[in-house]
Amino acid sequence: MTPNKEDYIKTIYKLGGKDEFVTNKAINQMLDLSAASTTEMLNKLVHDGTVEYIRYKGAKLTQKGIKVRSEEHTSELQSLSRI
């Protein structure tokens, strides 16, 4: 998983995408990116199986996406505990 994909997953999670769909606009604003860039990445994440994406509705993490986010968060906490 690339750092860029991880950033999107983290952002979707922070915006409530574990439980509900998050709009592309909200993702764009949080990451300060264009709508085209966001749509392109969401399609890649759909292909990876980490995000469910519905046009005009937004994106939501799949169970695989939630697991990736949980593993990433655990890794971040372990890194912080070593400092």
PDB file of N, CA and C in Angstrom:
ATOM      1  N   MET A   1       0.851  -1.181   0.000  1.00  0.00           N
ATOM      2  CA  MET A   1       0.000   0.000   0.000  1.00  0.00           C
ATOM      3  C   MET A   1       0.896   1.244   0.000  1.00  0.00           C
ATOM      4  N   THR A   2       0.622   2.129  -0.924  1.00  0.00           N
ATOM      5  CA  THR A   2       1.436   3.343  -1.036  1.00  0.00           C
ATOM      6  C   THR A   2       1.042   4.351   0.048  1.00  0.00           C
ATOM      7  N   PRO A   3       1.948   5.230   0.426  1.00  0.00           N
ATOM      8  CA  PRO A   3       1.615   6.264   1.409  1.00  0.00           C
ATOM      9  C   PRO A   3       0.437   7.140   0.956  1.00  0.00           C
ATOM     10  N   ASN A   4       0.350   7.393  -0.345  1.00  0.00           N
ATOM     11  CA  ASN A   4      -0.736   8.206  -0.872  1.00  0.00           C
ATOM     12  C   ASN A   4      -2.092   7.512  -0.649  1.00  0.00           C
ATOM     13  N   LYS A   5      -2.149   6.214  -0.913  1.00  0.00           N
ATOM     14  CA  LYS A   5      -3.386   5.456  -0.676  1.00  0.00           C
ATOM     15  C   LYS A   5      -3.721   5.439   0.809  1.00  0.00           C
ATOM     16  N   GLU A   6      -2.702   5.282   1.635  1.00  0.00           N
ATOM     17  CA  GLU A   6      -2.917   5.288   3.086  1.00  0.00           C
ATOM     18  C   GLU A   6      -3.487   6.632   3.548  1.00  0.00           C
ATOM     19  N   ASP A   7      -3.019   7.726   2.942  1.00  0.00           N
ATOM     20  CA  ASP A   7      -3.545   9.052   3.288  1.00  0.00           C
ATOM     21  C   ASP A   7      -5.037   9.148   2.982  1.00  0.00           C
ATOM     22  N   TYR A   8      -5.440   8.627   1.846  1.00  0.00           N
ATOM     23  CA  TYR A   8      -6.858   8.643   1.484  1.00  0.00           C
ATOM     24  C   TYR A   8      -7.680   7.799   2.456  1.00  0.00           C
ATOM     25  N   ILE A   9      -7.196   6.617   2.768  1.00  0.00           N
ATOM     26  CA  ILE A   9      -7.915   5.739   3.700  1.00  0.00           C
ATOM     27  C   ILE A   9      -8.039   6.404   5.064  1.00  0.00           C
ATOM     28  N   LYS A  10      -6.955   7.003   5.521  1.00  0.00           N
ATOM     29  CA  LYS A  10      -6.970   7.696   6.808  1.00  0.00           C
ATOM     30  C   LYS A  10      -7.974   8.853   6.786  1.00  0.00           C
ATOM     31  N   THR A  11      -7.988   9.607   5.705  1.00  0.00           N
ATOM     32  CA  THR A  11      -8.897  10.746   5.573  1.00  0.00           C
ATOM     33  C   THR A  11     -10.344  10.291   5.544  1.00  0.00           C
ATOM     34  N   ILE A  12     -10.629   9.267   4.768  1.00  0.00           N
ATOM     35  CA  ILE A  12     -12.005   8.751   4.706  1.00  0.00           C
ATOM     36  C   ILE A  12     -12.440   8.282   6.091  1.00  0.00           C
ATOM     37  N   TYR A  13     -11.550   7.612   6.792  1.00  0.00           N
ATOM     38  CA  TYR A  13     -11.854   7.152   8.153  1.00  0.00           C
ATOM     39  C   TYR A  13     -12.153   8.331   9.076  1.00  0.00           C
ATOM     40  N   LYS A  14     -11.293   9.363   9.028  1.00  0.00           N
ATOM     41  CA  LYS A  14     -11.473  10.540   9.890  1.00  0.00           C
ATOM     42  C   LYS A  14     -12.792  11.261   9.608  1.00  0.00           C
ATOM     43  N   LEU A  15     -13.232  11.207   8.362  1.00  0.00           N
ATOM     44  CA  LEU A  15     -14.469  11.878   7.971  1.00  0.00           C
ATOM     45  C   LEU A  15     -15.718  11.022   8.236  1.00  0.00           C
ATOM     46  N   GLY A  16     -15.536   9.877   8.860  1.00  0.00           N
ATOM     47  CA  GLY A  16     -16.676   9.026   9.210  1.00  0.00           C
ATOM     48  C   GLY A  16     -16.963   7.928   8.209  1.00  0.00           C
ATOM     49  N   GLY A  17     -16.040   7.680   7.294  1.00  0.00           N
ATOM     50  CA  GLY A  17     -16.240   6.703   6.242  1.00  0.00           C
ATOM     51  C   GLY A  17     -16.209   5.252   6.673  1.00  0.00           C
ATOM     52  N   LYS A  18     -16.087   5.019   7.961  1.00  0.00           N
ATOM     53  CA  LYS A  18     -16.192   3.649   8.463  1.00  0.00           C
ATOM     54  C   LYS A  18     -17.665   3.233   8.488  1.00  0.00           C
ATOM     55  N   ASP A  19     -18.530   4.215   8.776  1.00  0.00           N
ATOM     56  CA  ASP A  19     -19.946   3.920   8.968  1.00  0.00           C
ATOM     57  C   ASP A  19     -20.876   4.495   7.899  1.00  0.00           C
ATOM     58  N   GLU A  20     -20.401   5.507   7.166  1.00  0.00           N
ATOM     59  CA  GLU A  20     -21.268   6.153   6.173  1.00  0.00           C
ATOM     60  C   GLU A  20     -20.437   6.657   4.999  1.00  0.00           C
ATOM     61  N   PHE A  21     -21.127   6.992   3.933  1.00  0.00           N
ATOM     62  CA  PHE A  21     -20.433   7.503   2.752  1.00  0.00           C
ATOM     63  C   PHE A  21     -19.948   8.929   2.998  1.00  0.00           C
ATOM     64  N   VAL A  22     -18.755   9.208   2.513  1.00  0.00           N
ATOM     65  CA  VAL A  22     -18.120  10.521   2.626  1.00  0.00           C
ATOM     66  C   VAL A  22     -18.043  11.105   1.221  1.00  0.00           C
ATOM     67  N   THR A  23     -18.433  12.357   1.063  1.00  0.00           N
ATOM     68  CA  THR A  23     -18.441  12.963  -0.262  1.00  0.00           C
ATOM     69  C   THR A  23     -17.031  13.219  -0.776  1.00  0.00           C
ATOM     70  N   ASN A  24     -16.910  13.217  -2.092  1.00  0.00           N
ATOM     71  CA  ASN A  24     -15.626  13.545  -2.709  1.00  0.00           C
ATOM     72  C   ASN A  24     -15.186  14.945  -2.305  1.00  0.00           C
ATOM     73  N   LYS A  25     -16.141  15.852  -2.213  1.00  0.00           N
ATOM     74  CA  LYS A  25     -15.826  17.231  -1.853  1.00  0.00           C
ATOM     75  C   LYS A  25     -15.157  17.302  -0.479  1.00  0.00           C
ATOM     76  N   ALA A  26     -15.661  16.555   0.475  1.00  0.00           N
ATOM     77  CA  ALA A  26     -15.069  16.551   1.818  1.00  0.00           C
ATOM     78  C   ALA A  26     -13.639  16.012   1.771  1.00  0.00           C
ATOM     79  N   ILE A  27     -13.427  14.965   0.982  1.00  0.00           N
ATOM     80  CA  ILE A  27     -12.083  14.397   0.836  1.00  0.00           C
ATOM     81  C   ILE A  27     -11.163  15.408   0.154  1.00  0.00           C
ATOM     82  N   ASN A  28     -11.661  16.022  -0.925  1.00  0.00           N
ATOM     83  CA  ASN A  28     -10.878  17.042  -1.650  1.00  0.00           C
ATOM     84  C   ASN A  28     -10.411  18.138  -0.706  1.00  0.00           C
ATOM     85  N   GLN A  29     -11.348  18.644   0.090  1.00  0.00           N
ATOM     86  CA  GLN A  29     -11.034  19.766   0.978  1.00  0.00           C
ATOM     87  C   GLN A  29     -10.034  19.374   2.052  1.00  0.00           C
ATOM     88  N   MET A  30     -10.188  18.192   2.600  1.00  0.00           N
ATOM     89  CA  MET A  30      -9.289  17.777   3.679  1.00  0.00           C
ATOM     90  C   MET A  30      -7.866  17.532   3.164  1.00  0.00           C
ATOM     91  N   LEU A  31      -7.756  16.987   1.950  1.00  0.00           N
ATOM     92  CA  LEU A  31      -6.437  16.692   1.389  1.00  0.00           C
ATOM     93  C   LEU A  31      -5.919  17.816   0.494  1.00  0.00           C
ATOM     94  N   ASP A  32      -6.752  18.816   0.256  1.00  0.00           N
ATOM     95  CA  ASP A  32      -6.409  19.952  -0.600  1.00  0.00           C
ATOM     96  C   ASP A  32      -5.982  19.480  -2.000  1.00  0.00           C
ATOM     97  N   LEU A  33      -6.865  18.673  -2.608  1.00  0.00           N
ATOM     98  CA  LEU A  33      -6.604  18.113  -3.933  1.00  0.00           C
ATOM     99  C   LEU A  33      -7.763  18.412  -4.870  1.00  0.00           C
ATOM    100  N   SER A  34      -7.543  18.205  -6.150  1.00  0.00           N
ATOM    101  CA  SER A  34      -8.596  18.424  -7.144  1.00  0.00           C
ATOM    102  C   SER A  34      -9.596  17.267  -7.119  1.00  0.00           C
ATOM    103  N   ALA A  35     -10.780  17.550  -7.639  1.00  0.00           N
ATOM    104  CA  ALA A  35     -11.816  16.528  -7.726  1.00  0.00           C
ATOM    105  C   ALA A  35     -11.363  15.366  -8.611  1.00  0.00           C
ATOM    106  N   ALA A  36     -10.674  15.679  -9.704  1.00  0.00           N
ATOM    107  CA  ALA A  36     -10.203  14.636 -10.621  1.00  0.00           C
ATOM    108  C   ALA A  36      -9.204  13.700  -9.936  1.00  0.00           C
ATOM    109  N   SER A  37      -8.303  14.262  -9.150  1.00  0.00           N
ATOM    110  CA  SER A  37      -7.311  13.445  -8.432  1.00  0.00           C
ATOM    111  C   SER A  37      -7.993  12.520  -7.437  1.00  0.00           C
ATOM    112  N   THR A  38      -8.984  13.049  -6.741  1.00  0.00           N
ATOM    113  CA  THR A  38      -9.699  12.256  -5.749  1.00  0.00           C
ATOM    114  C   THR A  38     -10.458  11.113  -6.406  1.00  0.00           C
ATOM    115  N   THR A  39     -11.167  11.415  -7.484  1.00  0.00           N
ATOM    116  CA  THR A  39     -11.926  10.375  -8.188  1.00  0.00           C
ATOM    117  C   THR A  39     -10.996   9.289  -8.718  1.00  0.00           C
ATOM    118  N   GLU A  40      -9.863   9.685  -9.263  1.00  0.00           N
ATOM    119  CA  GLU A  40      -8.894   8.714  -9.781  1.00  0.00           C
ATOM    120  C   GLU A  40      -8.399   7.792  -8.663  1.00  0.00           C
ATOM    121  N   MET A  41      -8.060   8.366  -7.512  1.00  0.00           N
ATOM    122  CA  MET A  41      -7.569   7.545  -6.412  1.00  0.00           C
ATOM    123  C   MET A  41      -8.669   6.658  -5.845  1.00  0.00           C
ATOM    124  N   LEU A  42      -9.887   7.171  -5.759  1.00  0.00           N
ATOM    125  CA  LEU A  42     -10.980   6.343  -5.250  1.00  0.00           C
ATOM    126  C   LEU A  42     -11.197   5.128  -6.144  1.00  0.00           C
ATOM    127  N   ASN A  43     -11.075   5.305  -7.442  1.00  0.00           N
ATOM    128  CA  ASN A  43     -11.202   4.169  -8.358  1.00  0.00           C
ATOM    129  C   ASN A  43     -10.090   3.143  -8.129  1.00  0.00           C
ATOM    130  N   LYS A  44      -8.890   3.603  -7.823  1.00  0.00           N
ATOM    131  CA  LYS A  44      -7.785   2.691  -7.504  1.00  0.00           C
ATOM    132  C   LYS A  44      -8.069   1.941  -6.205  1.00  0.00           C
ATOM    133  N   LEU A  45      -8.616   2.656  -5.222  1.00  0.00           N
ATOM    134  CA  LEU A  45      -8.927   2.021  -3.940  1.00  0.00           C
ATOM    135  C   LEU A  45     -10.062   1.009  -4.078  1.00  0.00           C
ATOM    136  N   VAL A  46     -11.017   1.291  -4.958  1.00  0.00           N
ATOM    137  CA  VAL A  46     -12.081   0.324  -5.255  1.00  0.00           C
ATOM    138  C   VAL A  46     -11.453  -0.935  -5.841  1.00  0.00           C
ATOM    139  N   HIS A  47     -10.540  -0.758  -6.771  1.00  0.00           N
ATOM    140  CA  HIS A  47      -9.846  -1.891  -7.395  1.00  0.00           C
ATOM    141  C   HIS A  47      -9.081  -2.711  -6.352  1.00  0.00           C
ATOM    142  N   ASP A  48      -8.511  -2.035  -5.357  1.00  0.00           N
ATOM    143  CA  ASP A  48      -7.785  -2.720  -4.272  1.00  0.00           C
ATOM    144  C   ASP A  48      -8.729  -3.414  -3.290  1.00  0.00           C
ATOM    145  N   GLY A  49     -10.017  -3.030  -3.324  1.00  0.00           N
ATOM    146  CA  GLY A  49     -10.991  -3.622  -2.411  1.00  0.00           C
ATOM    147  C   GLY A  49     -11.060  -2.947  -1.059  1.00  0.00           C
ATOM    148  N   THR A  50     -10.475  -1.761  -0.927  1.00  0.00           N
ATOM    149  CA  THR A  50     -10.463  -1.086   0.371  1.00  0.00           C
ATOM    150  C   THR A  50     -11.565  -0.042   0.518  1.00  0.00           C
ATOM    151  N   VAL A  51     -12.188   0.338  -0.617  1.00  0.00           N
ATOM    152  CA  VAL A  51     -13.213   1.384  -0.596  1.00  0.00           C
ATOM    153  C   VAL A  51     -14.387   0.984  -1.487  1.00  0.00           C
ATOM    154  N   GLU A  52     -15.575   1.307  -1.026  1.00  0.00           N
ATOM    155  CA  GLU A  52     -16.780   1.217  -1.855  1.00  0.00           C
ATOM    156  C   GLU A  52     -17.064   2.634  -2.329  1.00  0.00           C
ATOM    157  N   TYR A  53     -17.251   2.820  -3.604  1.00  0.00           N
ATOM    158  CA  TYR A  53     -17.465   4.163  -4.153  1.00  0.00           C
ATOM    159  C   TYR A  53     -18.720   4.167  -5.017  1.00  0.00           C
ATOM    160  N   ILE A  54     -19.603   5.103  -4.729  1.00  0.00           N
ATOM    161  CA  ILE A  54     -20.816   5.284  -5.523  1.00  0.00           C
ATOM    162  C   ILE A  54     -20.819   6.716  -6.031  1.00  0.00           C
ATOM    163  N   ARG A  55     -20.876   6.838  -7.348  1.00  0.00           N
ATOM    164  CA  ARG A  55     -20.871   8.156  -7.977  1.00  0.00           C
ATOM    165  C   ARG A  55     -22.001   9.010  -7.412  1.00  0.00           C
ATOM    166  N   TYR A  56     -21.710  10.249  -7.125  1.00  0.00           N
ATOM    167  CA  TYR A  56     -22.616  11.248  -6.554  1.00  0.00           C
ATOM    168  C   TYR A  56     -22.971  10.993  -5.085  1.00  0.00           C
ATOM    169  N   LYS A  57     -22.509   9.904  -4.537  1.00  0.00           N
ATOM    170  CA  LYS A  57     -22.770   9.617  -3.118  1.00  0.00           C
ATOM    171  C   LYS A  57     -21.488   9.703  -2.303  1.00  0.00           C
ATOM    172  N   GLY A  58     -20.402   9.154  -2.849  1.00  0.00           N
ATOM    173  CA  GLY A  58     -19.125   9.228  -2.155  1.00  0.00           C
ATOM    174  C   GLY A  58     -18.484   7.883  -1.918  1.00  0.00           C
ATOM    175  N   ALA A  59     -17.623   7.854  -0.919  1.00  0.00           N
ATOM    176  CA  ALA A  59     -16.822   6.666  -0.623  1.00  0.00           C
ATOM    177  C   ALA A  59     -16.998   6.237   0.823  1.00  0.00           C
ATOM    178  N   LYS A  60     -16.868   4.954   1.019  1.00  0.00           N
ATOM    179  CA  LYS A  60     -16.984   4.351   2.345  1.00  0.00           C
ATOM    180  C   LYS A  60     -15.965   3.224   2.413  1.00  0.00           C
ATOM    181  N   LEU A  61     -15.321   3.059   3.548  1.00  0.00           N
ATOM    182  CA  LEU A  61     -14.348   1.979   3.704  1.00  0.00           C
ATOM    183  C   LEU A  61     -15.040   0.620   3.733  1.00  0.00           C
ATOM    184  N   THR A  62     -14.427  -0.347   3.078  1.00  0.00           N
ATOM    185  CA  THR A  62     -14.886  -1.733   3.174  1.00  0.00           C
ATOM    186  C   THR A  62     -14.265  -2.335   4.435  1.00  0.00           C
ATOM    187  N   GLN A  63     -14.607  -3.574   4.719  1.00  0.00           N
ATOM    188  CA  GLN A  63     -13.985  -4.240   5.867  1.00  0.00           C
ATOM    189  C   GLN A  63     -12.472  -4.320   5.675  1.00  0.00           C
ATOM    190  N   LYS A  64     -12.035  -4.552   4.440  1.00  0.00           N
ATOM    191  CA  LYS A  64     -10.601  -4.582   4.152  1.00  0.00           C
ATOM    192  C   LYS A  64      -9.974  -3.212   4.401  1.00  0.00           C
ATOM    193  N   GLY A  65     -10.660  -2.142   4.017  1.00  0.00           N
ATOM    194  CA  GLY A  65     -10.170  -0.787   4.243  1.00  0.00           C
ATOM    195  C   GLY A  65     -10.069  -0.452   5.723  1.00  0.00           C
ATOM    196  N   ILE A  66     -11.058  -0.897   6.484  1.00  0.00           N
ATOM    197  CA  ILE A  66     -11.040  -0.674   7.935  1.00  0.00           C
ATOM    198  C   ILE A  66      -9.865  -1.430   8.553  1.00  0.00           C
ATOM    199  N   LYS A  67      -9.618  -2.641   8.065  1.00  0.00           N
ATOM    200  CA  LYS A  67      -8.500  -3.435   8.581  1.00  0.00           C
ATOM    201  C   LYS A  67      -7.161  -2.763   8.257  1.00  0.00           C
ATOM    202  N   VAL A  68      -7.031  -2.254   7.021  1.00  0.00           N
ATOM    203  CA  VAL A  68      -5.801  -1.547   6.633  1.00  0.00           C
ATOM    204  C   VAL A  68      -5.605  -0.348   7.547  1.00  0.00           C
ATOM    205  N   ARG A  69      -6.652   0.412   7.795  1.00  0.00           N
ATOM    206  CA  ARG A  69      -6.569   1.588   8.664  1.00  0.00           C
ATOM    207  C   ARG A  69      -6.185   1.189  10.084  1.00  0.00           C
ATOM    208  N   SER A  70      -6.764   0.116  10.591  1.00  0.00           N
ATOM    209  CA  SER A  70      -6.442  -0.342  11.947  1.00  0.00           C
ATOM    210  C   SER A  70      -4.980  -0.763  12.059  1.00  0.00           C
ATOM    211  N   GLU A  71      -4.493  -1.480  11.043  1.00  0.00           N
ATOM    212  CA  GLU A  71      -3.087  -1.904  11.051  1.00  0.00           C
ATOM    213  C   GLU A  71      -2.159  -0.701  10.962  1.00  0.00           C
ATOM    214  N   GLU A  72      -2.539   0.281  10.143  1.00  0.00           N
ATOM    215  CA  GLU A  72      -1.737   1.501   9.999  1.00  0.00           C
ATOM    216  C   GLU A  72      -1.699   2.267  11.318  1.00  0.00           C
ATOM    217  N   HIS A  73      -2.848   2.360  11.972  1.00  0.00           N
ATOM    218  CA  HIS A  73      -2.933   3.085  13.241  1.00  0.00           C
ATOM    219  C   HIS A  73      -2.092   2.393  14.313  1.00  0.00           C
ATOM    220  N   THR A  74      -2.153   1.069  14.357  1.00  0.00           N
ATOM    221  CA  THR A  74      -1.350   0.303  15.318  1.00  0.00           C
ATOM    222  C   THR A  74       0.137   0.538  15.072  1.00  0.00           C
ATOM    223  N   SER A  75       0.531   0.548  13.808  1.00  0.00           N
ATOM    224  CA  SER A  75       1.933   0.792  13.450  1.00  0.00           C
ATOM    225  C   SER A  75       2.370   2.192  13.888  1.00  0.00           C
ATOM    226  N   GLU A  76       1.488   3.191  13.697  1.00  0.00           N
ATOM    227  CA  GLU A  76       1.804   4.566  14.114  1.00  0.00           C
ATOM    228  C   GLU A  76       1.999   4.639  15.621  1.00  0.00           C
ATOM    229  N   LEU A  77       1.126   3.961  16.379  1.00  0.00           N
ATOM    230  CA  LEU A  77       1.230   3.975  17.837  1.00  0.00           C
ATOM    231  C   LEU A  77       2.505   3.302  18.313  1.00  0.00           C
ATOM    232  N   GLN A  78       2.886   2.205  17.660  1.00  0.00           N
ATOM    233  CA  GLN A  78       4.122   1.524  18.028  1.00  0.00           C
ATOM    234  C   GLN A  78       5.334   2.393  17.750  1.00  0.00           C
ATOM    235  N   SER A  79       5.298   3.133  16.652  1.00  0.00           N
ATOM    236  CA  SER A  79       6.399   4.040  16.321  1.00  0.00           C
ATOM    237  C   SER A  79       6.519   5.144  17.366  1.00  0.00           C
ATOM    238  N   LEU A  80       5.379   5.661  17.801  1.00  0.00           N
ATOM    239  CA  LEU A  80       5.386   6.728  18.802  1.00  0.00           C
ATOM    240  C   LEU A  80       5.888   6.221  20.161  1.00  0.00           C
ATOM    241  N   SER A  81       5.557   4.967  20.496  1.00  0.00           N
ATOM    242  CA  SER A  81       5.978   4.446  21.782  1.00  0.00           C
ATOM    243  C   SER A  81       7.483   4.211  21.864  1.00  0.00           C
ATOM    244  N   ARG A  82       8.145   4.136  20.709  1.00  0.00           N
ATOM    245  CA  ARG A  82       9.598   3.946  20.691  1.00  0.00           C
ATOM    246  C   ARG A  82      10.356   5.242  20.919  1.00  0.00           C
ATOM    247  N   ILE A  83       9.647   6.344  20.792  1.00  0.00           N
ATOM    248  CA  ILE A  83      10.316   7.670  20.922  1.00  0.00           C
ATOM    249  C   ILE A  83      10.530   8.008  22.366  1.00  0.00           C
TER     250      ILE A  83
END
